[in-house]
Amino acid sequence: MKFSPCTGNCTDEGTHCEGCGRSHEEIAAMNKHVAGLIALAETMKYENIAEYAESVSNSIKFKMAQEH
């Protein structure tokens, strides 16, 4: 399955968002993980949010490349 990013045209009707096409279940799961990453950044009082976000992105890419 290919990831479809948010387009900013979110809908709540049905089982899938009409904006991005993702299921509401997938969107909720993603929001939960993003909230956890935000909470970590706030707890650690990171000031360099762009570097933090890039590091998280790079970690995901690295770990997924190792597993596949």
PDB file of N, CA and C in Angstrom:
ATOM      1  N   MET A   1       0.851  -1.176   0.000  1.00  0.00           N
ATOM      2  CA  MET A   1       0.000   0.000   0.000  1.00  0.00           C
ATOM      3  C   MET A   1       0.895   1.237   0.000  1.00  0.00           C
ATOM      4  N   LYS A   2       0.523   2.219  -0.741  1.00  0.00           N
ATOM      5  CA  LYS A   2       1.269   3.471  -0.807  1.00  0.00           C
ATOM      6  C   LYS A   2       0.621   4.496   0.131  1.00  0.00           C
ATOM      7  N   PHE A   3       1.457   5.204   0.906  1.00  0.00           N
ATOM      8  CA  PHE A   3       0.960   6.226   1.826  1.00  0.00           C
ATOM      9  C   PHE A   3       0.448   7.424   1.041  1.00  0.00           C
ATOM     10  N   SER A   4      -0.658   7.952   1.496  1.00  0.00           N
ATOM     11  CA  SER A   4      -1.250   9.143   0.888  1.00  0.00           C
ATOM     12  C   SER A   4      -1.268  10.256   1.934  1.00  0.00           C
ATOM     13  N   PRO A   5      -0.481  11.322   1.742  1.00  0.00           N
ATOM     14  CA  PRO A   5      -0.419  12.388   2.745  1.00  0.00           C
ATOM     15  C   PRO A   5      -1.705  13.211   2.801  1.00  0.00           C
ATOM     16  N   CYS A   6      -1.878  13.887   3.913  1.00  0.00           N
ATOM     17  CA  CYS A   6      -3.035  14.760   4.107  1.00  0.00           C
ATOM     18  C   CYS A   6      -3.011  15.883   3.068  1.00  0.00           C
ATOM     19  N   THR A   7      -4.188  16.177   2.536  1.00  0.00           N
ATOM     20  CA  THR A   7      -4.314  17.257   1.557  1.00  0.00           C
ATOM     21  C   THR A   7      -4.940  18.507   2.168  1.00  0.00           C
ATOM     22  N   GLY A   8      -5.373  18.392   3.430  1.00  0.00           N
ATOM     23  CA  GLY A   8      -6.034  19.515   4.083  1.00  0.00           C
ATOM     24  C   GLY A   8      -7.517  19.606   3.768  1.00  0.00           C
ATOM     25  N   ASN A   9      -8.039  18.627   3.043  1.00  0.00           N
ATOM     26  CA  ASN A   9      -9.462  18.591   2.697  1.00  0.00           C
ATOM     27  C   ASN A   9     -10.141  17.439   3.428  1.00  0.00           C
ATOM     28  N   CYS A  10      -9.969  17.386   4.731  1.00  0.00           N
ATOM     29  CA  CYS A  10     -10.411  16.254   5.547  1.00  0.00           C
ATOM     30  C   CYS A  10     -11.932  16.140   5.608  1.00  0.00           C
ATOM     31  N   THR A  11     -12.395  14.884   5.630  1.00  0.00           N
ATOM     32  CA  THR A  11     -13.816  14.600   5.812  1.00  0.00           C
ATOM     33  C   THR A  11     -13.955  13.503   6.860  1.00  0.00           C
ATOM     34  N   ASP A  12     -15.090  13.496   7.557  1.00  0.00           N
ATOM     35  CA  ASP A  12     -15.357  12.504   8.599  1.00  0.00           C
ATOM     36  C   ASP A  12     -16.373  11.455   8.166  1.00  0.00           C
ATOM     37  N   GLU A  13     -17.017  11.651   7.046  1.00  0.00           N
ATOM     38  CA  GLU A  13     -18.070  10.747   6.614  1.00  0.00           C
ATOM     39  C   GLU A  13     -17.475   9.433   6.110  1.00  0.00           C
ATOM     40  N   GLY A  14     -18.268   8.367   6.223  1.00  0.00           N
ATOM     41  CA  GLY A  14     -17.857   7.071   5.691  1.00  0.00           C
ATOM     42  C   GLY A  14     -16.676   6.479   6.437  1.00  0.00           C
ATOM     43  N   THR A  15     -15.988   5.560   5.771  1.00  0.00           N
ATOM     44  CA  THR A  15     -14.855   4.875   6.399  1.00  0.00           C
ATOM     45  C   THR A  15     -13.523   5.503   6.036  1.00  0.00           C
ATOM     46  N   HIS A  16     -13.513   6.317   4.976  1.00  0.00           N
ATOM     47  CA  HIS A  16     -12.269   6.918   4.496  1.00  0.00           C
ATOM     48  C   HIS A  16     -12.424   8.424   4.305  1.00  0.00           C
ATOM     49  N   CYS A  17     -11.334   9.134   4.512  1.00  0.00           N
ATOM     50  CA  CYS A  17     -11.304  10.571   4.259  1.00  0.00           C
ATOM     51  C   CYS A  17     -11.381  10.785   2.749  1.00  0.00           C
ATOM     52  N   GLU A  18     -12.246  11.667   2.329  1.00  0.00           N
ATOM     53  CA  GLU A  18     -12.362  11.943   0.896  1.00  0.00           C
ATOM     54  C   GLU A  18     -11.217  12.811   0.395  1.00  0.00           C
ATOM     55  N   GLY A  19     -10.511  13.485   1.309  1.00  0.00           N
ATOM     56  CA  GLY A  19      -9.381  14.327   0.914  1.00  0.00           C
ATOM     57  C   GLY A  19      -8.160  13.515   0.527  1.00  0.00           C
ATOM     58  N   CYS A  20      -7.728  12.613   1.426  1.00  0.00           N
ATOM     59  CA  CYS A  20      -6.495  11.849   1.180  1.00  0.00           C
ATOM     60  C   CYS A  20      -6.756  10.398   0.809  1.00  0.00           C
ATOM     61  N   GLY A  21      -7.945   9.897   1.099  1.00  0.00           N
ATOM     62  CA  GLY A  21      -8.277   8.518   0.775  1.00  0.00           C
ATOM     63  C   GLY A  21      -7.894   7.508   1.850  1.00  0.00           C
ATOM     64  N   ARG A  22      -7.244   7.979   2.924  1.00  0.00           N
ATOM     65  CA  ARG A  22      -6.865   7.052   3.995  1.00  0.00           C
ATOM     66  C   ARG A  22      -8.076   6.740   4.868  1.00  0.00           C
ATOM     67  N   SER A  23      -8.045   5.553   5.494  1.00  0.00           N
ATOM     68  CA  SER A  23      -9.134   5.197   6.400  1.00  0.00           C
ATOM     69  C   SER A  23      -9.045   6.067   7.643  1.00  0.00           C
ATOM     70  N   HIS A  24     -10.182   6.285   8.260  1.00  0.00           N
ATOM     71  CA  HIS A  24     -10.196   7.075   9.493  1.00  0.00           C
ATOM     72  C   HIS A  24      -9.415   6.347  10.584  1.00  0.00           C
ATOM     73  N   GLU A  25      -9.397   5.015  10.530  1.00  0.00           N
ATOM     74  CA  GLU A  25      -8.620   4.216  11.480  1.00  0.00           C
ATOM     75  C   GLU A  25      -7.123   4.486  11.307  1.00  0.00           C
ATOM     76  N   GLU A  26      -6.653   4.519  10.064  1.00  0.00           N
ATOM     77  CA  GLU A  26      -5.238   4.804   9.791  1.00  0.00           C
ATOM     78  C   GLU A  26      -4.870   6.215  10.254  1.00  0.00           C
ATOM     79  N   ILE A  27      -5.732   7.170   9.978  1.00  0.00           N
ATOM     80  CA  ILE A  27      -5.479   8.557  10.372  1.00  0.00           C
ATOM     81  C   ILE A  27      -5.398   8.666  11.896  1.00  0.00           C
ATOM     82  N   ALA A  28      -6.300   7.990  12.604  1.00  0.00           N
ATOM     83  CA  ALA A  28      -6.291   8.025  14.071  1.00  0.00           C
ATOM     84  C   ALA A  28      -5.012   7.409  14.623  1.00  0.00           C
ATOM     85  N   ALA A  29      -4.561   6.305  14.025  1.00  0.00           N
ATOM     86  CA  ALA A  29      -3.323   5.658  14.478  1.00  0.00           C
ATOM     87  C   ALA A  29      -2.129   6.581  14.261  1.00  0.00           C
ATOM     88  N   MET A  30      -2.076   7.225  13.108  1.00  0.00           N
ATOM     89  CA  MET A  30      -0.981   8.148  12.810  1.00  0.00           C
ATOM     90  C   MET A  30      -1.001   9.325  13.782  1.00  0.00           C
ATOM     91  N   ASN A  31      -2.189   9.870  14.038  1.00  0.00           N
ATOM     92  CA  ASN A  31      -2.312  10.999  14.966  1.00  0.00           C
ATOM     93  C   ASN A  31      -1.825  10.632  16.362  1.00  0.00           C
ATOM     94  N   LYS A  32      -2.096   9.395  16.781  1.00  0.00           N
ATOM     95  CA  LYS A  32      -1.655   8.930  18.099  1.00  0.00           C
ATOM     96  C   LYS A  32      -0.129   8.929  18.186  1.00  0.00           C
ATOM     97  N   HIS A  33       0.537   8.412  17.153  1.00  0.00           N
ATOM     98  CA  HIS A  33       2.000   8.363  17.154  1.00  0.00           C
ATOM     99  C   HIS A  33       2.611   9.762  17.060  1.00  0.00           C
ATOM    100  N   VAL A  34       2.031  10.604  16.249  1.00  0.00           N
ATOM    101  CA  VAL A  34       2.526  11.983  16.128  1.00  0.00           C
ATOM    102  C   VAL A  34       2.374  12.707  17.468  1.00  0.00           C
ATOM    103  N   ALA A  35       1.256  12.500  18.140  1.00  0.00           N
ATOM    104  CA  ALA A  35       1.051  13.129  19.452  1.00  0.00           C
ATOM    105  C   ALA A  35       2.120  12.666  20.439  1.00  0.00           C
ATOM    106  N   GLY A  36       2.500  11.395  20.369  1.00  0.00           N
ATOM    107  CA  GLY A  36       3.556  10.882  21.235  1.00  0.00           C
ATOM    108  C   GLY A  36       4.895  11.525  20.946  1.00  0.00           C
ATOM    109  N   LEU A  37       5.204  11.721  19.675  1.00  0.00           N
ATOM    110  CA  LEU A  37       6.459  12.378  19.300  1.00  0.00           C
ATOM    111  C   LEU A  37       6.471  13.841  19.729  1.00  0.00           C
ATOM    112  N   ILE A  38       5.332  14.499  19.621  1.00  0.00           N
ATOM    113  CA  ILE A  38       5.222  15.887  20.079  1.00  0.00           C
ATOM    114  C   ILE A  38       5.405  15.951  21.592  1.00  0.00           C
ATOM    115  N   ALA A  39       4.775  15.024  22.307  1.00  0.00           N
ATOM    116  CA  ALA A  39       4.902  15.001  23.768  1.00  0.00           C
ATOM    117  C   ALA A  39       6.354  14.802  24.184  1.00  0.00           C
ATOM    118  N   LEU A  40       7.074  13.928  23.481  1.00  0.00           N
ATOM    119  CA  LEU A  40       8.489  13.712  23.787  1.00  0.00           C
ATOM    120  C   LEU A  40       9.281  15.000  23.578  1.00  0.00           C
ATOM    121  N   ALA A  41       9.061  15.664  22.453  1.00  0.00           N
ATOM    122  CA  ALA A  41       9.772  16.914  22.163  1.00  0.00           C
ATOM    123  C   ALA A  41       9.477  17.969  23.225  1.00  0.00           C
ATOM    124  N   GLU A  42       8.232  18.033  23.663  1.00  0.00           N
ATOM    125  CA  GLU A  42       7.865  19.004  24.697  1.00  0.00           C
ATOM    126  C   GLU A  42       8.478  18.638  26.046  1.00  0.00           C
ATOM    127  N   THR A  43       8.472  17.353  26.387  1.00  0.00           N
ATOM    128  CA  THR A  43       9.068  16.898  27.647  1.00  0.00           C
ATOM    129  C   THR A  43      10.563  17.189  27.679  1.00  0.00           C
ATOM    130  N   MET A  44      11.228  16.949  26.554  1.00  0.00           N
ATOM    131  CA  MET A  44      12.669  17.170  26.466  1.00  0.00           C
ATOM    132  C   MET A  44      13.006  18.646  26.249  1.00  0.00           C
ATOM    133  N   LYS A  45      11.968  19.451  25.991  1.00  0.00           N
ATOM    134  CA  LYS A  45      12.136  20.890  25.739  1.00  0.00           C
ATOM    135  C   LYS A  45      13.064  21.168  24.550  1.00  0.00           C
ATOM    136  N   TYR A  46      12.882  20.356  23.489  1.00  0.00           N
ATOM    137  CA  TYR A  46      13.675  20.571  22.278  1.00  0.00           C
ATOM    138  C   TYR A  46      13.346  21.935  21.681  1.00  0.00           C
ATOM    139  N   GLU A  47      14.359  22.665  21.315  1.00  0.00           N
ATOM    140  CA  GLU A  47      14.176  23.959  20.663  1.00  0.00           C
ATOM    141  C   GLU A  47      14.339  23.843  19.147  1.00  0.00           C
ATOM    142  N   ASN A  48      15.054  22.814  18.706  1.00  0.00           N
ATOM    143  CA  ASN A  48      15.336  22.624  17.279  1.00  0.00           C
ATOM    144  C   ASN A  48      14.371  21.583  16.691  1.00  0.00           C
ATOM    145  N   ILE A  49      13.123  21.991  16.556  1.00  0.00           N
ATOM    146  CA  ILE A  49      12.058  21.092  16.121  1.00  0.00           C
ATOM    147  C   ILE A  49      12.301  20.552  14.712  1.00  0.00           C
ATOM    148  N   ALA A  50      12.810  21.364  13.811  1.00  0.00           N
ATOM    149  CA  ALA A  50      13.055  20.896  12.437  1.00  0.00           C
ATOM    150  C   ALA A  50      14.056  19.748  12.432  1.00  0.00           C
ATOM    151  N   GLU A  51      15.121  19.868  13.212  1.00  0.00           N
ATOM    152  CA  GLU A  51      16.118  18.794  13.273  1.00  0.00           C
ATOM    153  C   GLU A  51      15.531  17.546  13.924  1.00  0.00           C
ATOM    154  N   TYR A  52      14.715  17.737  14.948  1.00  0.00           N
ATOM    155  CA  TYR A  52      14.060  16.607  15.610  1.00  0.00           C
ATOM    156  C   TYR A  52      13.169  15.861  14.617  1.00  0.00           C
ATOM    157  N   ALA A  53      12.339  16.583  13.886  1.00  0.00           N
ATOM    158  CA  ALA A  53      11.440  15.960  12.916  1.00  0.00           C
ATOM    159  C   ALA A  53      12.231  15.246  11.823  1.00  0.00           C
ATOM    160  N   GLU A  54      13.307  15.856  11.356  1.00  0.00           N
ATOM    161  CA  GLU A  54      14.138  15.232  10.326  1.00  0.00           C
ATOM    162  C   GLU A  54      14.802  13.966  10.862  1.00  0.00           C
ATOM    163  N   SER A  55      15.250  13.997  12.104  1.00  0.00           N
ATOM    164  CA  SER A  55      15.872  12.828  12.714  1.00  0.00           C
ATOM    165  C   SER A  55      14.876  11.679  12.845  1.00  0.00           C
ATOM    166  N   VAL A  56      13.650  11.987  13.246  1.00  0.00           N
ATOM    167  CA  VAL A  56      12.607  10.961  13.339  1.00  0.00           C
ATOM    168  C   VAL A  56      12.356  10.365  11.958  1.00  0.00           C
ATOM    169  N   SER A  57      12.239  11.217  10.952  1.00  0.00           N
ATOM    170  CA  SER A  57      12.031  10.761   9.579  1.00  0.00           C
ATOM    171  C   SER A  57      13.168   9.855   9.120  1.00  0.00           C
ATOM    172  N   ASN A  58      14.398  10.275   9.364  1.00  0.00           N
ATOM    173  CA  ASN A  58      15.557   9.475   8.964  1.00  0.00           C
ATOM    174  C   ASN A  58      15.601   8.147   9.701  1.00  0.00           C
ATOM    175  N   SER A  59      15.230   8.141  10.973  1.00  0.00           N
ATOM    176  CA  SER A  59      15.208   6.899  11.747  1.00  0.00           C
ATOM    177  C   SER A  59      14.195   5.916  11.174  1.00  0.00           C
ATOM    178  N   ILE A  60      13.026   6.410  10.811  1.00  0.00           N
ATOM    179  CA  ILE A  60      11.998   5.551  10.222  1.00  0.00           C
ATOM    180  C   ILE A  60      12.510   4.948   8.918  1.00  0.00           C
ATOM    181  N   LYS A  61      13.077   5.781   8.054  1.00  0.00           N
ATOM    182  CA  LYS A  61      13.593   5.294   6.766  1.00  0.00           C
ATOM    183  C   LYS A  61      14.687   4.256   6.975  1.00  0.00           C
ATOM    184  N   PHE A  62      15.612   4.511   7.896  1.00  0.00           N
ATOM    185  CA  PHE A  62      16.723   3.602   8.164  1.00  0.00           C
ATOM    186  C   PHE A  62      16.212   2.263   8.690  1.00  0.00           C
ATOM    187  N   LYS A  63      15.341   2.300   9.687  1.00  0.00           N
ATOM    188  CA  LYS A  63      14.823   1.068  10.291  1.00  0.00           C
ATOM    189  C   LYS A  63      14.010   0.257   9.291  1.00  0.00           C
ATOM    190  N   MET A  64      13.208   0.921   8.479  1.00  0.00           N
ATOM    191  CA  MET A  64      12.388   0.198   7.506  1.00  0.00           C
ATOM    192  C   MET A  64      13.240  -0.396   6.397  1.00  0.00           C
ATOM    193  N   ALA A  65      14.313   0.272   6.021  1.00  0.00           N
ATOM    194  CA  ALA A  65      15.217  -0.263   4.992  1.00  0.00           C
ATOM    195  C   ALA A  65      15.914  -1.517   5.505  1.00  0.00           C
ATOM    196  N   GLN A  66      16.224  -1.570   6.792  1.00  0.00           N
ATOM    197  CA  GLN A  66      16.873  -2.740   7.378  1.00  0.00           C
ATOM    198  C   GLN A  66      15.946  -3.944   7.395  1.00  0.00           C
ATOM    199  N   GLU A  67      14.668  -3.710   7.618  1.00  0.00           N
ATOM    200  CA  GLU A  67      13.701  -4.796   7.748  1.00  0.00           C
ATOM    201  C   GLU A  67      13.229  -5.325   6.405  1.00  0.00           C
ATOM    202  N   HIS A  68      13.422  -4.573   5.347  1.00  0.00           N
ATOM    203  CA  HIS A  68      12.895  -4.996   4.040  1.00  0.00           C
ATOM    204  C   HIS A  68      14.003  -5.189   3.067  1.00  0.00           C
TER     205      HIS A  68
END
